[in-house]
Amino acid sequence: MSTIRTLTRISILASCALTGCVYRMPIQQGNYLDPVVIAQIKPGMTHSQVRYLLGTPMLPEAFDDSRWDYSYYLKTQRLRKTETGHVGIYFAHDLVARVDSDVTRAPFAPIAKRPSTAPEPRGYGGH
């Protein structure tokens, strides 16, 4: 009976200790917003020019094409602060009238563009 209690306690303690070791996948959503690219958007640019620089807007207006919204969200770890950004592009007569942005710095490198290295294979080439 005491062996069962001991094993139960050990398994509970081990499961509690290992819950912190769980890998949490980074969550990246929206358009990657770089302040250098945002600074290139000037009044008088066309929809096509803005789309070329920033991509398709995350929140296109269904009934009014005079405003495009770009949003970015990146959650890398459970305890780290979530990175967010928002850019609003306002058009008048199909040309950029103004740009509102709260992006002050580029977020972490996009997950897909981070350099990755594979481990060296073992057992090849006489190792």
C-alpha atoms as a PDB file:
ATOM      1  CA  MET A   1       0.000   0.000   0.000  1.00  0.00           C
ATOM      2  CA  SER A   2       2.794   2.421   0.857  1.00  0.00           C
ATOM      3  CA  THR A   3       4.515   1.556  -2.424  1.00  0.00           C
ATOM      4  CA  ILE A   4       1.437   2.633  -4.379  1.00  0.00           C
ATOM      5  CA  ARG A   5       1.257   5.923  -2.449  1.00  0.00           C
ATOM      6  CA  THR A   6       4.936   6.568  -3.023  1.00  0.00           C
ATOM      7  CA  LEU A   7       4.656   5.881  -6.754  1.00  0.00           C
ATOM      8  CA  THR A   8       1.561   8.081  -6.962  1.00  0.00           C
ATOM      9  CA  ARG A   9       3.361  10.944  -5.214  1.00  0.00           C
ATOM     10  CA  ILE A  10       6.426  10.558  -7.424  1.00  0.00           C
ATOM     11  CA  SER A  11       4.337  10.566 -10.598  1.00  0.00           C
ATOM     12  CA  ILE A  12       2.397  13.659  -9.464  1.00  0.00           C
ATOM     13  CA  LEU A  13       5.605  15.510  -8.612  1.00  0.00           C
ATOM     14  CA  ALA A  14       7.224  14.491 -11.899  1.00  0.00           C
ATOM     15  CA  SER A  15       4.218  15.611 -13.939  1.00  0.00           C
ATOM     16  CA  CYS A  16       4.140  18.976 -12.122  1.00  0.00           C
ATOM     17  CA  ALA A  17       7.872  19.480 -12.710  1.00  0.00           C
ATOM     18  CA  LEU A  18       7.654  18.616 -16.394  1.00  0.00           C
ATOM     19  CA  THR A  19       4.735  20.919 -17.247  1.00  0.00           C
ATOM     20  CA  GLY A  20       7.165  23.853 -17.409  1.00  0.00           C
ATOM     21  CA  CYS A  21       9.248  22.012 -20.022  1.00  0.00           C
ATOM     22  CA  VAL A  22       6.496  21.939 -22.623  1.00  0.00           C
ATOM     23  CA  TYR A  23       7.442  23.624 -25.898  1.00  0.00           C
ATOM     24  CA  ARG A  24       5.132  26.455 -26.872  1.00  0.00           C
ATOM     25  CA  MET A  25       5.059  27.200 -30.588  1.00  0.00           C
ATOM     26  CA  PRO A  26       5.395  30.894 -31.539  1.00  0.00           C
ATOM     27  CA  ILE A  27       2.139  32.366 -32.819  1.00  0.00           C
ATOM     28  CA  GLN A  28       2.567  34.881 -35.629  1.00  0.00           C
ATOM     29  CA  GLN A  29      -0.458  36.475 -37.258  1.00  0.00           C
ATOM     30  CA  GLY A  30      -1.041  39.336 -39.634  1.00  0.00           C
ATOM     31  CA  ASN A  31       1.328  41.341 -41.786  1.00  0.00           C
ATOM     32  CA  TYR A  32       4.991  41.755 -40.816  1.00  0.00           C
ATOM     33  CA  LEU A  33       5.294  45.489 -40.143  1.00  0.00           C
ATOM     34  CA  ASP A  34       8.724  47.059 -40.503  1.00  0.00           C
ATOM     35  CA  PRO A  35       9.021  50.803 -39.722  1.00  0.00           C
ATOM     36  CA  VAL A  36      11.527  51.240 -42.569  1.00  0.00           C
ATOM     37  CA  VAL A  37       8.964  49.962 -45.086  1.00  0.00           C
ATOM     38  CA  ILE A  38       6.131  51.939 -43.485  1.00  0.00           C
ATOM     39  CA  ALA A  39       8.213  55.124 -43.830  1.00  0.00           C
ATOM     40  CA  GLN A  40       8.351  54.535 -47.601  1.00  0.00           C
ATOM     41  CA  ILE A  41       4.587  55.010 -47.903  1.00  0.00           C
ATOM     42  CA  LYS A  42       3.959  58.596 -48.888  1.00  0.00           C
ATOM     43  CA  PRO A  43       0.837  60.613 -49.714  1.00  0.00           C
ATOM     44  CA  GLY A  44      -0.056  60.282 -53.380  1.00  0.00           C
ATOM     45  CA  MET A  45       0.841  56.584 -53.708  1.00  0.00           C
ATOM     46  CA  THR A  46      -1.672  54.227 -55.316  1.00  0.00           C
ATOM     47  CA  HIS A  47      -3.330  51.117 -53.876  1.00  0.00           C
ATOM     48  CA  SER A  48      -0.989  48.930 -55.938  1.00  0.00           C
ATOM     49  CA  GLN A  49       2.121  50.646 -54.601  1.00  0.00           C
ATOM     50  CA  VAL A  50       0.964  50.229 -50.996  1.00  0.00           C
ATOM     51  CA  ARG A  51       0.063  46.581 -51.614  1.00  0.00           C
ATOM     52  CA  TYR A  52       3.526  46.015 -53.111  1.00  0.00           C
ATOM     53  CA  LEU A  53       5.229  47.401 -49.982  1.00  0.00           C
ATOM     54  CA  LEU A  54       3.002  46.005 -47.219  1.00  0.00           C
ATOM     55  CA  GLY A  55       1.093  43.163 -48.844  1.00  0.00           C
ATOM     56  CA  THR A  56      -2.637  42.593 -48.795  1.00  0.00           C
ATOM     57  CA  PRO A  57      -4.295  44.344 -45.856  1.00  0.00           C
ATOM     58  CA  MET A  58      -5.281  42.127 -42.956  1.00  0.00           C
ATOM     59  CA  LEU A  59      -8.578  43.944 -42.464  1.00  0.00           C
ATOM     60  CA  PRO A  60      -9.823  45.186 -45.829  1.00  0.00           C
ATOM     61  CA  GLU A  61     -12.896  47.349 -45.702  1.00  0.00           C
ATOM     62  CA  ALA A  62     -15.730  45.507 -47.425  1.00  0.00           C
ATOM     63  CA  PHE A  63     -17.822  48.531 -48.322  1.00  0.00           C
ATOM     64  CA  ASP A  64     -15.325  51.376 -48.202  1.00  0.00           C
ATOM     65  CA  ASP A  65     -11.971  51.119 -49.975  1.00  0.00           C
ATOM     66  CA  SER A  66     -10.704  54.390 -48.492  1.00  0.00           C
ATOM     67  CA  ARG A  67      -9.031  52.749 -45.473  1.00  0.00           C
ATOM     68  CA  TRP A  68      -6.719  49.754 -45.199  1.00  0.00           C
ATOM     69  CA  ASP A  69      -5.684  48.307 -41.847  1.00  0.00           C
ATOM     70  CA  TYR A  70      -2.581  46.208 -41.273  1.00  0.00           C
ATOM     71  CA  SER A  71      -2.113  44.418 -37.966  1.00  0.00           C
ATOM     72  CA  TYR A  72       0.676  42.260 -36.557  1.00  0.00           C
ATOM     73  CA  TYR A  73       0.649  39.892 -33.581  1.00  0.00           C
ATOM     74  CA  LEU A  74       3.545  37.794 -32.294  1.00  0.00           C
ATOM     75  CA  LYS A  75       3.506  35.657 -29.161  1.00  0.00           C
ATOM     76  CA  THR A  76       6.812  33.829 -28.730  1.00  0.00           C
ATOM     77  CA  GLN A  77       6.705  32.484 -25.198  1.00  0.00           C
ATOM     78  CA  ARG A  78       4.205  32.223 -22.413  1.00  0.00           C
ATOM     79  CA  LEU A  79       5.847  34.799 -20.135  1.00  0.00           C
ATOM     80  CA  ARG A  80       7.118  37.212 -22.784  1.00  0.00           C
ATOM     81  CA  LYS A  81       5.123  40.259 -23.727  1.00  0.00           C
ATOM     82  CA  THR A  82       3.079  39.900 -26.899  1.00  0.00           C
ATOM     83  CA  GLU A  83       4.304  42.112 -29.725  1.00  0.00           C
ATOM     84  CA  THR A  84       1.607  43.924 -31.663  1.00  0.00           C
ATOM     85  CA  GLY A  85       1.529  46.627 -34.273  1.00  0.00           C
ATOM     86  CA  HIS A  86      -1.089  48.448 -36.314  1.00  0.00           C
ATOM     87  CA  VAL A  87      -0.930  50.643 -39.402  1.00  0.00           C
ATOM     88  CA  GLY A  88      -3.886  52.453 -40.928  1.00  0.00           C
ATOM     89  CA  ILE A  89      -3.612  53.712 -44.509  1.00  0.00           C
ATOM     90  CA  TYR A  90      -6.219  56.295 -45.510  1.00  0.00           C
ATOM     91  CA  PHE A  91      -6.997  56.948 -49.174  1.00  0.00           C
ATOM     92  CA  ALA A  92      -8.683  59.904 -50.866  1.00  0.00           C
ATOM     93  CA  HIS A  93      -9.506  59.675 -54.589  1.00  0.00           C
ATOM     94  CA  ASP A  94      -7.648  56.314 -54.733  1.00  0.00           C
ATOM     95  CA  LEU A  95      -4.384  57.857 -53.492  1.00  0.00           C
ATOM     96  CA  VAL A  96      -2.794  57.724 -50.036  1.00  0.00           C
ATOM     97  CA  ALA A  97      -3.946  60.688 -47.969  1.00  0.00           C
ATOM     98  CA  ARG A  98      -2.299  59.797 -44.635  1.00  0.00           C
ATOM     99  CA  VAL A  99      -0.674  56.980 -42.689  1.00  0.00           C
ATOM    100  CA  ASP A 100      -1.300  56.274 -39.000  1.00  0.00           C
ATOM    101  CA  SER A 101       1.155  53.870 -37.396  1.00  0.00           C
ATOM    102  CA  ASP A 102       2.003  52.759 -33.876  1.00  0.00           C
ATOM    103  CA  VAL A 103       4.963  50.656 -35.068  1.00  0.00           C
ATOM    104  CA  THR A 104       8.163  51.987 -33.528  1.00  0.00           C
ATOM    105  CA  ARG A 105      10.508  49.073 -34.186  1.00  0.00           C
ATOM    106  CA  ALA A 106      10.542  45.921 -36.227  1.00  0.00           C
ATOM    107  CA  PRO A 107       9.275  42.847 -34.405  1.00  0.00           C
ATOM    108  CA  PHE A 108      11.428  39.766 -34.058  1.00  0.00           C
ATOM    109  CA  ALA A 109      12.490  38.229 -37.348  1.00  0.00           C
ATOM    110  CA  PRO A 110       9.542  36.489 -38.973  1.00  0.00           C
ATOM    111  CA  ILE A 111       9.407  32.884 -37.893  1.00  0.00           C
ATOM    112  CA  ALA A 112       9.773  31.660 -41.488  1.00  0.00           C
ATOM    113  CA  LYS A 113      12.881  33.802 -42.083  1.00  0.00           C
ATOM    114  CA  ARG A 114      14.849  32.914 -38.963  1.00  0.00           C
ATOM    115  CA  PRO A 115      18.071  31.098 -39.773  1.00  0.00           C
ATOM    116  CA  SER A 116      18.000  27.476 -38.825  1.00  0.00           C
ATOM    117  CA  THR A 117      20.760  24.946 -38.757  1.00  0.00           C
ATOM    118  CA  ALA A 118      20.338  21.222 -38.770  1.00  0.00           C
ATOM    119  CA  PRO A 119      22.441  19.132 -36.430  1.00  0.00           C
ATOM    120  CA  GLU A 120      25.416  17.369 -37.934  1.00  0.00           C
ATOM    121  CA  PRO A 121      24.534  13.839 -39.010  1.00  0.00           C
ATOM    122  CA  ARG A 122      26.214  11.090 -37.054  1.00  0.00           C
ATOM    123  CA  GLY A 123      27.721   7.996 -38.522  1.00  0.00           C
ATOM    124  CA  TYR A 124      28.616   9.559 -41.884  1.00  0.00           C
ATOM    125  CA  GLY A 125      32.105  10.155 -43.181  1.00  0.00           C
ATOM    126  CA  GLY A 126      33.903   8.102 -40.532  1.00  0.00           C
ATOM    127  CA  HIS A 127      32.692  10.050 -37.493  1.00  0.00           C
END
